[in-house]
Amino acid sequence: MTQTEQHQLIQELKDLSYLMKGKDLHDFEMFAKRDKDDEDLDELSRRHLILLLEKYKALKPKRNVKNPFE
């Protein structure tokens, strides 16, 4: 995973951070700090970051776009 891909994953998670609580929020904040300092994540951290993204993308509320003008 390149630095750019890592940064994009963290940006996506930043939009979903309002859903996080407890350990997940703490871990995300640590990843964001490491990204801000331009540090590369190790393999274990990358896997955890991807798991967080998959978990919270699934929890993201979906809009009802059946008829937006009602």
C-alpha atoms as a PDB file:
ATOM      1  CA  MET A   1       0.000   0.000   0.000  1.00  0.00           C
ATOM      2  CA  THR A   2       1.411   3.348  -0.974  1.00  0.00           C
ATOM      3  CA  GLN A   3       1.326   6.506   1.087  1.00  0.00           C
ATOM      4  CA  THR A   4      -1.358   7.928  -1.208  1.00  0.00           C
ATOM      5  CA  GLU A   5      -3.633   4.891  -0.799  1.00  0.00           C
ATOM      6  CA  GLN A   6      -3.142   5.024   2.965  1.00  0.00           C
ATOM      7  CA  HIS A   7      -4.095   8.711   2.995  1.00  0.00           C
ATOM      8  CA  GLN A   8      -7.224   8.047   0.902  1.00  0.00           C
ATOM      9  CA  LEU A   9      -8.381   5.285   3.265  1.00  0.00           C
ATOM     10  CA  ILE A  10      -7.957   7.570   6.256  1.00  0.00           C
ATOM     11  CA  GLN A  11      -9.863  10.358   4.497  1.00  0.00           C
ATOM     12  CA  GLU A  12     -12.750   7.984   3.794  1.00  0.00           C
ATOM     13  CA  LEU A  13     -12.771   6.899   7.427  1.00  0.00           C
ATOM     14  CA  LYS A  14     -12.656  10.503   8.595  1.00  0.00           C
ATOM     15  CA  ASP A  15     -16.100  10.992   7.026  1.00  0.00           C
ATOM     16  CA  LEU A  16     -17.380   7.981   8.979  1.00  0.00           C
ATOM     17  CA  SER A  17     -15.672   8.770  12.284  1.00  0.00           C
ATOM     18  CA  TYR A  18     -18.924  10.049  13.804  1.00  0.00           C
ATOM     19  CA  LEU A  19     -20.129   6.420  13.865  1.00  0.00           C
ATOM     20  CA  MET A  20     -17.096   5.189  15.826  1.00  0.00           C
ATOM     21  CA  LYS A  21     -16.878   4.667  19.557  1.00  0.00           C
ATOM     22  CA  GLY A  22     -14.391   3.269  22.030  1.00  0.00           C
ATOM     23  CA  LYS A  23     -11.389   1.344  20.768  1.00  0.00           C
ATOM     24  CA  ASP A  24     -12.253   1.857  17.087  1.00  0.00           C
ATOM     25  CA  LEU A  25     -12.282   5.638  17.511  1.00  0.00           C
ATOM     26  CA  HIS A  26      -9.028   5.546  19.460  1.00  0.00           C
ATOM     27  CA  ASP A  27      -7.354   3.373  16.803  1.00  0.00           C
ATOM     28  CA  PHE A  28      -8.593   5.637  14.017  1.00  0.00           C
ATOM     29  CA  GLU A  29      -7.245   8.726  15.780  1.00  0.00           C
ATOM     30  CA  MET A  30      -3.843   7.041  16.102  1.00  0.00           C
ATOM     31  CA  PHE A  31      -3.869   6.142  12.386  1.00  0.00           C
ATOM     32  CA  ALA A  32      -4.820   9.721  11.505  1.00  0.00           C
ATOM     33  CA  LYS A  33      -1.953  11.095  13.622  1.00  0.00           C
ATOM     34  CA  ARG A  34       0.511   8.710  11.989  1.00  0.00           C
ATOM     35  CA  ASP A  35      -0.774   9.746   8.557  1.00  0.00           C
ATOM     36  CA  LYS A  36      -0.448  13.420   9.458  1.00  0.00           C
ATOM     37  CA  ASP A  37       3.183  12.784  10.448  1.00  0.00           C
ATOM     38  CA  ASP A  38       3.728  11.010   7.077  1.00  0.00           C
ATOM     39  CA  GLU A  39       4.514   7.672   8.701  1.00  0.00           C
ATOM     40  CA  ASP A  40       3.956   4.439   6.827  1.00  0.00           C
ATOM     41  CA  LEU A  41       1.702   1.929   8.537  1.00  0.00           C
ATOM     42  CA  ASP A  42       2.936  -1.586   9.131  1.00  0.00           C
ATOM     43  CA  GLU A  43       1.091  -4.578   7.678  1.00  0.00           C
ATOM     44  CA  LEU A  44      -0.964  -5.244  10.819  1.00  0.00           C
ATOM     45  CA  SER A  45      -2.067  -1.608  11.033  1.00  0.00           C
ATOM     46  CA  ARG A  46      -3.000  -1.574   7.350  1.00  0.00           C
ATOM     47  CA  ARG A  47      -5.177  -4.643   7.767  1.00  0.00           C
ATOM     48  CA  HIS A  48      -6.865  -3.103  10.807  1.00  0.00           C
ATOM     49  CA  LEU A  49      -7.458   0.142   8.883  1.00  0.00           C
ATOM     50  CA  ILE A  50      -9.083  -1.766   6.010  1.00  0.00           C
ATOM     51  CA  LEU A  51     -11.258  -3.740   8.448  1.00  0.00           C
ATOM     52  CA  LEU A  52     -12.412  -0.502  10.080  1.00  0.00           C
ATOM     53  CA  LEU A  53     -13.296   0.933   6.689  1.00  0.00           C
ATOM     54  CA  GLU A  54     -15.282  -2.159   5.688  1.00  0.00           C
ATOM     55  CA  LYS A  55     -17.065  -2.234   9.047  1.00  0.00           C
ATOM     56  CA  TYR A  56     -18.121   1.417   9.060  1.00  0.00           C
ATOM     57  CA  LYS A  57     -18.928   1.641   5.368  1.00  0.00           C
ATOM     58  CA  ALA A  58     -21.514  -1.076   5.953  1.00  0.00           C
ATOM     59  CA  LEU A  59     -22.969   0.910   8.883  1.00  0.00           C
ATOM     60  CA  LYS A  60     -23.218   4.164   6.937  1.00  0.00           C
ATOM     61  CA  PRO A  61     -26.863   5.237   6.744  1.00  0.00           C
ATOM     62  CA  LYS A  62     -28.276   5.004   3.249  1.00  0.00           C
ATOM     63  CA  ARG A  63     -30.536   7.663   1.847  1.00  0.00           C
ATOM     64  CA  ASN A  64     -33.948   6.841   0.521  1.00  0.00           C
ATOM     65  CA  VAL A  65     -33.730   8.138  -3.048  1.00  0.00           C
ATOM     66  CA  LYS A  66     -36.907   6.478  -4.249  1.00  0.00           C
ATOM     67  CA  ASN A  67     -38.580   9.826  -4.801  1.00  0.00           C
ATOM     68  CA  PRO A  68     -36.510  12.742  -3.507  1.00  0.00           C
ATOM     69  CA  PHE A  69     -39.228  15.322  -4.234  1.00  0.00           C
ATOM     70  CA  GLU A  70     -41.842  13.944  -1.869  1.00  0.00           C
END
